[in-house]
Amino acid sequence: MNWPDAVQLIIAEHKHIERKFDRVSCAEWTDLPDTKFRVLAEEVGEIAHALNEHDDENLMEEIVQVAAVALAWLLSDFEYREIEYRYD
């Protein structure tokens, strides 16, 4: 898989999350950080389950979901902060 395809999968899942929870934007995710962490951890647990089951098809899906949940958290808690980008 190449970079643009991976990003497109994450964006599609991100939009799915917005529709699923009836949000205009994931920036509206108002749960506390510990709740967001639990959601992310649950998705990571699904990666572990897919690995244990040797379920490569579901593994990719779960990795995309982890990335989308992490993106939603990032947008909701840090939307207005300026970031200094570092390229080493």
PDB file of N, CA and C in Angstrom:
ATOM      1  N   MET A   1       0.851  -1.176   0.000  1.00  0.00           N
ATOM      2  CA  MET A   1       0.000   0.000   0.000  1.00  0.00           C
ATOM      3  C   MET A   1       0.893   1.235   0.000  1.00  0.00           C
ATOM      4  N   ASN A   2       0.451   2.237  -0.708  1.00  0.00           N
ATOM      5  CA  ASN A   2       1.223   3.476  -0.736  1.00  0.00           C
ATOM      6  C   ASN A   2       0.613   4.507   0.214  1.00  0.00           C
ATOM      7  N   TRP A   3       1.354   5.581   0.431  1.00  0.00           N
ATOM      8  CA  TRP A   3       0.961   6.628   1.379  1.00  0.00           C
ATOM      9  C   TRP A   3      -0.408   7.222   1.049  1.00  0.00           C
ATOM     10  N   PRO A   4      -0.669   7.669  -0.197  1.00  0.00           N
ATOM     11  CA  PRO A   4      -1.980   8.268  -0.492  1.00  0.00           C
ATOM     12  C   PRO A   4      -3.147   7.306  -0.257  1.00  0.00           C
ATOM     13  N   ASP A   5      -2.967   6.041  -0.583  1.00  0.00           N
ATOM     14  CA  ASP A   5      -4.049   5.069  -0.354  1.00  0.00           C
ATOM     15  C   ASP A   5      -4.312   4.890   1.141  1.00  0.00           C
ATOM     16  N   ALA A   6      -3.244   4.829   1.923  1.00  0.00           N
ATOM     17  CA  ALA A   6      -3.399   4.678   3.377  1.00  0.00           C
ATOM     18  C   ALA A   6      -4.132   5.883   3.968  1.00  0.00           C
ATOM     19  N   VAL A   7      -3.754   7.064   3.537  1.00  0.00           N
ATOM     20  CA  VAL A   7      -4.399   8.279   4.039  1.00  0.00           C
ATOM     21  C   VAL A   7      -5.872   8.300   3.634  1.00  0.00           C
ATOM     22  N   GLN A   8      -6.171   7.878   2.422  1.00  0.00           N
ATOM     23  CA  GLN A   8      -7.569   7.847   1.966  1.00  0.00           C
ATOM     24  C   GLN A   8      -8.396   6.895   2.821  1.00  0.00           C
ATOM     25  N   LEU A   9      -7.838   5.749   3.190  1.00  0.00           N
ATOM     26  CA  LEU A   9      -8.552   4.809   4.067  1.00  0.00           C
ATOM     27  C   LEU A   9      -8.835   5.435   5.426  1.00  0.00           C
ATOM     28  N   ILE A  10      -7.849   6.130   5.968  1.00  0.00           N
ATOM     29  CA  ILE A  10      -8.018   6.770   7.272  1.00  0.00           C
ATOM     30  C   ILE A  10      -9.069   7.884   7.192  1.00  0.00           C
ATOM     31  N   ILE A  11      -9.019   8.669   6.130  1.00  0.00           N
ATOM     32  CA  ILE A  11     -10.016   9.736   5.956  1.00  0.00           C
ATOM     33  C   ILE A  11     -11.417   9.146   5.826  1.00  0.00           C
ATOM     34  N   ALA A  12     -11.554   8.073   5.061  1.00  0.00           N
ATOM     35  CA  ALA A  12     -12.864   7.431   4.905  1.00  0.00           C
ATOM     36  C   ALA A  12     -13.385   6.924   6.244  1.00  0.00           C
ATOM     37  N   GLU A  13     -12.513   6.317   7.050  1.00  0.00           N
ATOM     38  CA  GLU A  13     -12.926   5.831   8.376  1.00  0.00           C
ATOM     39  C   GLU A  13     -13.258   7.007   9.295  1.00  0.00           C
ATOM     40  N   HIS A  14     -12.490   8.063   9.183  1.00  0.00           N
ATOM     41  CA  HIS A  14     -12.748   9.270   9.978  1.00  0.00           C
ATOM     42  C   HIS A  14     -14.146   9.818   9.666  1.00  0.00           C
ATOM     43  N   LYS A  15     -14.498   9.869   8.392  1.00  0.00           N
ATOM     44  CA  LYS A  15     -15.829  10.341   7.994  1.00  0.00           C
ATOM     45  C   LYS A  15     -16.911   9.386   8.491  1.00  0.00           C
ATOM     46  N   HIS A  16     -16.607   8.097   8.493  1.00  0.00           N
ATOM     47  CA  HIS A  16     -17.549   7.106   9.020  1.00  0.00           C
ATOM     48  C   HIS A  16     -17.812   7.360  10.511  1.00  0.00           C
ATOM     49  N   ILE A  17     -16.762   7.659  11.261  1.00  0.00           N
ATOM     50  CA  ILE A  17     -16.908   7.962  12.691  1.00  0.00           C
ATOM     51  C   ILE A  17     -17.809   9.186  12.868  1.00  0.00           C
ATOM     52  N   GLU A  18     -17.582  10.206  12.063  1.00  0.00           N
ATOM     53  CA  GLU A  18     -18.407  11.418  12.170  1.00  0.00           C
ATOM     54  C   GLU A  18     -19.881  11.101  11.919  1.00  0.00           C
ATOM     55  N   ARG A  19     -20.155  10.297  10.889  1.00  0.00           N
ATOM     56  CA  ARG A  19     -21.554   9.928  10.604  1.00  0.00           C
ATOM     57  C   ARG A  19     -22.124   9.043  11.703  1.00  0.00           C
ATOM     58  N   LYS A  20     -21.345   8.092  12.166  1.00  0.00           N
ATOM     59  CA  LYS A  20     -21.806   7.141  13.183  1.00  0.00           C
ATOM     60  C   LYS A  20     -22.243   7.862  14.456  1.00  0.00           C
ATOM     61  N   PHE A  21     -21.503   8.878  14.839  1.00  0.00           N
ATOM     62  CA  PHE A  21     -21.805   9.605  16.078  1.00  0.00           C
ATOM     63  C   PHE A  21     -22.486  10.940  15.814  1.00  0.00           C
ATOM     64  N   ASP A  22     -22.968  11.112  14.598  1.00  0.00           N
ATOM     65  CA  ASP A  22     -23.751  12.287  14.212  1.00  0.00           C
ATOM     66  C   ASP A  22     -23.028  13.588  14.561  1.00  0.00           C
ATOM     67  N   ARG A  23     -21.796  13.673  14.103  1.00  0.00           N
ATOM     68  CA  ARG A  23     -20.997  14.876  14.322  1.00  0.00           C
ATOM     69  C   ARG A  23     -20.703  15.534  12.984  1.00  0.00           C
ATOM     70  N   VAL A  24     -20.709  16.834  12.969  1.00  0.00           N
ATOM     71  CA  VAL A  24     -20.282  17.556  11.773  1.00  0.00           C
ATOM     72  C   VAL A  24     -18.782  17.362  11.600  1.00  0.00           C
ATOM     73  N   SER A  25     -18.085  17.308  12.735  1.00  0.00           N
ATOM     74  CA  SER A  25     -16.637  17.148  12.731  1.00  0.00           C
ATOM     75  C   SER A  25     -16.225  16.384  13.987  1.00  0.00           C
ATOM     76  N   CYS A  26     -15.172  15.600  13.863  1.00  0.00           N
ATOM     77  CA  CYS A  26     -14.660  14.913  15.050  1.00  0.00           C
ATOM     78  C   CYS A  26     -14.094  15.899  16.061  1.00  0.00           C
ATOM     79  N   ALA A  27     -13.906  17.142  15.654  1.00  0.00           N
ATOM     80  CA  ALA A  27     -13.485  18.169  16.609  1.00  0.00           C
ATOM     81  C   ALA A  27     -14.539  18.373  17.686  1.00  0.00           C
ATOM     82  N   GLU A  28     -15.749  17.881  17.448  1.00  0.00           N
ATOM     83  CA  GLU A  28     -16.839  17.989  18.427  1.00  0.00           C
ATOM     84  C   GLU A  28     -16.806  16.862  19.463  1.00  0.00           C
ATOM     85  N   TRP A  29     -15.821  15.991  19.426  1.00  0.00           N
ATOM     86  CA  TRP A  29     -15.721  14.876  20.378  1.00  0.00           C
ATOM     87  C   TRP A  29     -15.368  15.470  21.733  1.00  0.00           C
ATOM     88  N   THR A  30     -16.344  15.555  22.622  1.00  0.00           N
ATOM     89  CA  THR A  30     -16.171  16.291  23.878  1.00  0.00           C
ATOM     90  C   THR A  30     -15.888  15.406  25.090  1.00  0.00           C
ATOM     91  N   ASP A  31     -15.727  14.100  24.898  1.00  0.00           N
ATOM     92  CA  ASP A  31     -15.415  13.240  26.037  1.00  0.00           C
ATOM     93  C   ASP A  31     -14.070  13.627  26.642  1.00  0.00           C
ATOM     94  N   LEU A  32     -13.874  13.263  27.886  1.00  0.00           N
ATOM     95  CA  LEU A  32     -12.605  13.520  28.559  1.00  0.00           C
ATOM     96  C   LEU A  32     -11.510  12.643  27.953  1.00  0.00           C
ATOM     97  N   PRO A  33     -10.245  13.061  28.082  1.00  0.00           N
ATOM     98  CA  PRO A  33      -9.154  12.294  27.499  1.00  0.00           C
ATOM     99  C   PRO A  33      -9.101  10.831  27.950  1.00  0.00           C
ATOM    100  N   ASP A  34      -9.469  10.538  29.204  1.00  0.00           N
ATOM    101  CA  ASP A  34      -9.413   9.143  29.634  1.00  0.00           C
ATOM    102  C   ASP A  34     -10.428   8.291  28.873  1.00  0.00           C
ATOM    103  N   THR A  35     -11.573   8.861  28.532  1.00  0.00           N
ATOM    104  CA  THR A  35     -12.560   8.137  27.736  1.00  0.00           C
ATOM    105  C   THR A  35     -12.039   7.934  26.319  1.00  0.00           C
ATOM    106  N   LYS A  36     -11.414   8.963  25.766  1.00  0.00           N
ATOM    107  CA  LYS A  36     -10.843   8.845  24.422  1.00  0.00           C
ATOM    108  C   LYS A  36      -9.756   7.780  24.401  1.00  0.00           C
ATOM    109  N   PHE A  37      -8.962   7.726  25.462  1.00  0.00           N
ATOM    110  CA  PHE A  37      -7.928   6.701  25.532  1.00  0.00           C
ATOM    111  C   PHE A  37      -8.551   5.302  25.561  1.00  0.00           C
ATOM    112  N   ARG A  38      -9.633   5.143  26.305  1.00  0.00           N
ATOM    113  CA  ARG A  38     -10.297   3.836  26.367  1.00  0.00           C
ATOM    114  C   ARG A  38     -10.812   3.401  24.999  1.00  0.00           C
ATOM    115  N   VAL A  39     -11.357   4.342  24.245  1.00  0.00           N
ATOM    116  CA  VAL A  39     -11.827   4.031  22.886  1.00  0.00           C
ATOM    117  C   VAL A  39     -10.646   3.604  22.022  1.00  0.00           C
ATOM    118  N   LEU A  40      -9.555   4.350  22.100  1.00  0.00           N
ATOM    119  CA  LEU A  40      -8.362   4.012  21.327  1.00  0.00           C
ATOM    120  C   LEU A  40      -7.795   2.663  21.755  1.00  0.00           C
ATOM    121  N   ALA A  41      -7.733   2.428  23.052  1.00  0.00           N
ATOM    122  CA  ALA A  41      -7.198   1.160  23.566  1.00  0.00           C
ATOM    123  C   ALA A  41      -8.058  -0.021  23.129  1.00  0.00           C
ATOM    124  N   GLU A  42      -9.369   0.180  23.089  1.00  0.00           N
ATOM    125  CA  GLU A  42     -10.262  -0.885  22.645  1.00  0.00           C
ATOM    126  C   GLU A  42      -9.967  -1.237  21.183  1.00  0.00           C
ATOM    127  N   GLU A  43      -9.712  -0.230  20.367  1.00  0.00           N
ATOM    128  CA  GLU A  43      -9.370  -0.482  18.968  1.00  0.00           C
ATOM    129  C   GLU A  43      -8.021  -1.195  18.853  1.00  0.00           C
ATOM    130  N   VAL A  44      -7.054  -0.797  19.675  1.00  0.00           N
ATOM    131  CA  VAL A  44      -5.753  -1.482  19.674  1.00  0.00           C
ATOM    132  C   VAL A  44      -5.933  -2.936  20.095  1.00  0.00           C
ATOM    133  N   GLY A  45      -6.827  -3.184  21.047  1.00  0.00           N
ATOM    134  CA  GLY A  45      -7.132  -4.559  21.449  1.00  0.00           C
ATOM    135  C   GLY A  45      -7.675  -5.377  20.300  1.00  0.00           C
ATOM    136  N   GLU A  46      -8.430  -4.737  19.419  1.00  0.00           N
ATOM    137  CA  GLU A  46      -8.945  -5.454  18.250  1.00  0.00           C
ATOM    138  C   GLU A  46      -7.822  -5.799  17.278  1.00  0.00           C
ATOM    139  N   ILE A  47      -6.772  -4.988  17.241  1.00  0.00           N
ATOM    140  CA  ILE A  47      -5.586  -5.352  16.452  1.00  0.00           C
ATOM    141  C   ILE A  47      -4.955  -6.610  17.041  1.00  0.00           C
ATOM    142  N   ALA A  48      -4.814  -6.635  18.360  1.00  0.00           N
ATOM    143  CA  ALA A  48      -4.234  -7.808  19.025  1.00  0.00           C
ATOM    144  C   ALA A  48      -5.063  -9.055  18.731  1.00  0.00           C
ATOM    145  N   HIS A  49      -6.370  -8.914  18.765  1.00  0.00           N
ATOM    146  CA  HIS A  49      -7.250 -10.049  18.474  1.00  0.00           C
ATOM    147  C   HIS A  49      -7.049 -10.527  17.036  1.00  0.00           C
ATOM    148  N   ALA A  50      -6.987  -9.601  16.089  1.00  0.00           N
ATOM    149  CA  ALA A  50      -6.768  -9.980  14.688  1.00  0.00           C
ATOM    150  C   ALA A  50      -5.422 -10.680  14.516  1.00  0.00           C
ATOM    151  N   LEU A  51      -4.400 -10.199  15.230  1.00  0.00           N
ATOM    152  CA  LEU A  51      -3.085 -10.857  15.164  1.00  0.00           C
ATOM    153  C   LEU A  51      -3.157 -12.278  15.718  1.00  0.00           C
ATOM    154  N   ASN A  52      -3.828 -12.427  16.856  1.00  0.00           N
ATOM    155  CA  ASN A  52      -3.957 -13.758  17.462  1.00  0.00           C
ATOM    156  C   ASN A  52      -4.714 -14.730  16.569  1.00  0.00           C
ATOM    157  N   GLU A  53      -5.661 -14.208  15.805  1.00  0.00           N
ATOM    158  CA  GLU A  53      -6.480 -15.045  14.926  1.00  0.00           C
ATOM    159  C   GLU A  53      -5.880 -15.182  13.524  1.00  0.00           C
ATOM    160  N   HIS A  54      -4.728 -14.559  13.294  1.00  0.00           N
ATOM    161  CA  HIS A  54      -4.091 -14.547  11.971  1.00  0.00           C
ATOM    162  C   HIS A  54      -5.067 -14.044  10.908  1.00  0.00           C
ATOM    163  N   ASP A  55      -5.811 -13.015  11.260  1.00  0.00           N
ATOM    164  CA  ASP A  55      -6.851 -12.444  10.405  1.00  0.00           C
ATOM    165  C   ASP A  55      -6.304 -11.191   9.728  1.00  0.00           C
ATOM    166  N   ASP A  56      -5.548 -11.395   8.642  1.00  0.00           N
ATOM    167  CA  ASP A  56      -4.881 -10.282   7.966  1.00  0.00           C
ATOM    168  C   ASP A  56      -5.865  -9.271   7.385  1.00  0.00           C
ATOM    169  N   GLU A  57      -6.992  -9.726   6.891  1.00  0.00           N
ATOM    170  CA  GLU A  57      -7.975  -8.806   6.312  1.00  0.00           C
ATOM    171  C   GLU A  57      -8.535  -7.872   7.387  1.00  0.00           C
ATOM    172  N   ASN A  58      -8.901  -8.430   8.515  1.00  0.00           N
ATOM    173  CA  ASN A  58      -9.431  -7.617   9.605  1.00  0.00           C
ATOM    174  C   ASN A  58      -8.330  -6.775  10.255  1.00  0.00           C
ATOM    175  N   LEU A  59      -7.111  -7.264  10.229  1.00  0.00           N
ATOM    176  CA  LEU A  59      -5.983  -6.536  10.819  1.00  0.00           C
ATOM    177  C   LEU A  59      -5.842  -5.159  10.181  1.00  0.00           C
ATOM    178  N   MET A  60      -5.864  -5.111   8.860  1.00  0.00           N
ATOM    179  CA  MET A  60      -5.729  -3.830   8.184  1.00  0.00           C
ATOM    180  C   MET A  60      -6.879  -2.893   8.567  1.00  0.00           C
ATOM    181  N   GLU A  61      -8.085  -3.418   8.615  1.00  0.00           N
ATOM    182  CA  GLU A  61      -9.254  -2.630   8.994  1.00  0.00           C
ATOM    183  C   GLU A  61      -9.085  -2.032  10.394  1.00  0.00           C
ATOM    184  N   GLU A  62      -8.598  -2.848  11.321  1.00  0.00           N
ATOM    185  CA  GLU A  62      -8.427  -2.387  12.701  1.00  0.00           C
ATOM    186  C   GLU A  62      -7.323  -1.341  12.809  1.00  0.00           C
ATOM    187  N   ILE A  63      -6.254  -1.507  12.046  1.00  0.00           N
ATOM    188  CA  ILE A  63      -5.176  -0.513  12.052  1.00  0.00           C
ATOM    189  C   ILE A  63      -5.707   0.828  11.541  1.00  0.00           C
ATOM    190  N   VAL A  64      -6.517   0.784  10.497  1.00  0.00           N
ATOM    191  CA  VAL A  64      -7.126   2.007   9.967  1.00  0.00           C
ATOM    192  C   VAL A  64      -8.027   2.642  11.023  1.00  0.00           C
ATOM    193  N   GLN A  65      -8.777   1.829  11.750  1.00  0.00           N
ATOM    194  CA  GLN A  65      -9.654   2.364  12.793  1.00  0.00           C
ATOM    195  C   GLN A  65      -8.859   3.018  13.912  1.00  0.00           C
ATOM    196  N   VAL A  66      -7.733   2.419  14.288  1.00  0.00           N
ATOM    197  CA  VAL A  66      -6.872   3.025  15.314  1.00  0.00           C
ATOM    198  C   VAL A  66      -6.382   4.385  14.831  1.00  0.00           C
ATOM    199  N   ALA A  67      -5.940   4.452  13.587  1.00  0.00           N
ATOM    200  CA  ALA A  67      -5.446   5.717  13.044  1.00  0.00           C
ATOM    201  C   ALA A  67      -6.554   6.767  13.016  1.00  0.00           C
ATOM    202  N   ALA A  68      -7.762   6.363  12.642  1.00  0.00           N
ATOM    203  CA  ALA A  68      -8.882   7.308  12.565  1.00  0.00           C
ATOM    204  C   ALA A  68      -9.297   7.792  13.948  1.00  0.00           C
ATOM    205  N   VAL A  69      -9.307   6.914  14.926  1.00  0.00           N
ATOM    206  CA  VAL A  69      -9.652   7.324  16.292  1.00  0.00           C
ATOM    207  C   VAL A  69      -8.575   8.262  16.838  1.00  0.00           C
ATOM    208  N   ALA A  70      -7.314   7.950  16.585  1.00  0.00           N
ATOM    209  CA  ALA A  70      -6.224   8.828  17.027  1.00  0.00           C
ATOM    210  C   ALA A  70      -6.347  10.196  16.359  1.00  0.00           C
ATOM    211  N   LEU A  71      -6.700  10.222  15.083  1.00  0.00           N
ATOM    212  CA  LEU A  71      -6.897  11.481  14.379  1.00  0.00           C
ATOM    213  C   LEU A  71      -8.061  12.264  14.984  1.00  0.00           C
ATOM    214  N   ALA A  72      -9.154  11.584  15.270  1.00  0.00           N
ATOM    215  CA  ALA A  72     -10.312  12.251  15.876  1.00  0.00           C
ATOM    216  C   ALA A  72      -9.930  12.871  17.217  1.00  0.00           C
ATOM    217  N   TRP A  73      -9.164  12.135  18.018  1.00  0.00           N
ATOM    218  CA  TRP A  73      -8.725  12.651  19.318  1.00  0.00           C
ATOM    219  C   TRP A  73      -7.833  13.877  19.119  1.00  0.00           C
ATOM    220  N   LEU A  74      -6.904  13.775  18.198  1.00  0.00           N
ATOM    221  CA  LEU A  74      -6.000  14.882  17.921  1.00  0.00           C
ATOM    222  C   LEU A  74      -6.778  16.128  17.500  1.00  0.00           C
ATOM    223  N   LEU A  75      -7.748  15.959  16.626  1.00  0.00           N
ATOM    224  CA  LEU A  75      -8.539  17.096  16.157  1.00  0.00           C
ATOM    225  C   LEU A  75      -9.405  17.689  17.264  1.00  0.00           C
ATOM    226  N   SER A  76      -9.928  16.832  18.125  1.00  0.00           N
ATOM    227  CA  SER A  76     -10.853  17.331  19.143  1.00  0.00           C
ATOM    228  C   SER A  76     -10.145  18.036  20.291  1.00  0.00           C
ATOM    229  N   ASP A  77      -8.950  17.636  20.618  1.00  0.00           N
ATOM    230  CA  ASP A  77      -8.260  18.234  21.770  1.00  0.00           C
ATOM    231  C   ASP A  77      -7.205  19.265  21.391  1.00  0.00           C
ATOM    232  N   PHE A  78      -6.764  19.235  20.165  1.00  0.00           N
ATOM    233  CA  PHE A  78      -5.627  20.077  19.794  1.00  0.00           C
ATOM    234  C   PHE A  78      -5.883  20.875  18.527  1.00  0.00           C
ATOM    235  N   GLU A  79      -7.151  21.054  18.176  1.00  0.00           N
ATOM    236  CA  GLU A  79      -7.506  21.666  16.903  1.00  0.00           C
ATOM    237  C   GLU A  79      -6.907  23.055  16.717  1.00  0.00           C
ATOM    238  N   TYR A  80      -6.856  23.851  17.759  1.00  0.00           N
ATOM    239  CA  TYR A  80      -6.450  25.235  17.599  1.00  0.00           C
ATOM    240  C   TYR A  80      -5.022  25.522  18.051  1.00  0.00           C
ATOM    241  N   ARG A  81      -4.297  24.502  18.396  1.00  0.00           N
ATOM    242  CA  ARG A  81      -2.909  24.724  18.797  1.00  0.00           C
ATOM    243  C   ARG A  81      -2.013  24.758  17.566  1.00  0.00           C
ATOM    244  N   GLU A  82      -1.061  25.646  17.624  1.00  0.00           N
ATOM    245  CA  GLU A  82      -0.083  25.667  16.547  1.00  0.00           C
ATOM    246  C   GLU A  82       0.981  24.623  16.855  1.00  0.00           C
ATOM    247  N   ILE A  83       1.418  23.965  15.813  1.00  0.00           N
ATOM    248  CA  ILE A  83       2.386  22.882  15.960  1.00  0.00           C
ATOM    249  C   ILE A  83       3.663  23.268  15.220  1.00  0.00           C
ATOM    250  N   GLU A  84       4.764  23.045  15.886  1.00  0.00           N
ATOM    251  CA  GLU A  84       6.037  23.226  15.209  1.00  0.00           C
ATOM    252  C   GLU A  84       6.403  21.885  14.585  1.00  0.00           C
ATOM    253  N   TYR A  85       6.450  21.853  13.274  1.00  0.00           N
ATOM    254  CA  TYR A  85       6.762  20.608  12.587  1.00  0.00           C
ATOM    255  C   TYR A  85       8.264  20.392  12.572  1.00  0.00           C
ATOM    256  N   ARG A  86       8.648  19.174  12.881  1.00  0.00           N
ATOM    257  CA  ARG A  86      10.075  18.827  12.904  1.00  0.00           C
ATOM    258  C   ARG A  86      10.315  17.720  11.904  1.00  0.00           C
ATOM    259  N   TYR A  87      11.233  17.948  11.039  1.00  0.00           N
ATOM    260  CA  TYR A  87      11.617  16.940  10.064  1.00  0.00           C
ATOM    261  C   TYR A  87      13.092  16.624  10.258  1.00  0.00           C
ATOM    262  N   ASP A  88      13.358  15.462  10.772  1.00  0.00           N
ATOM    263  CA  ASP A  88      14.754  15.088  11.028  1.00  0.00           C
ATOM    264  C   ASP A  88      15.270  14.186   9.916  1.00  0.00           C
TER     265      ASP A  88
END
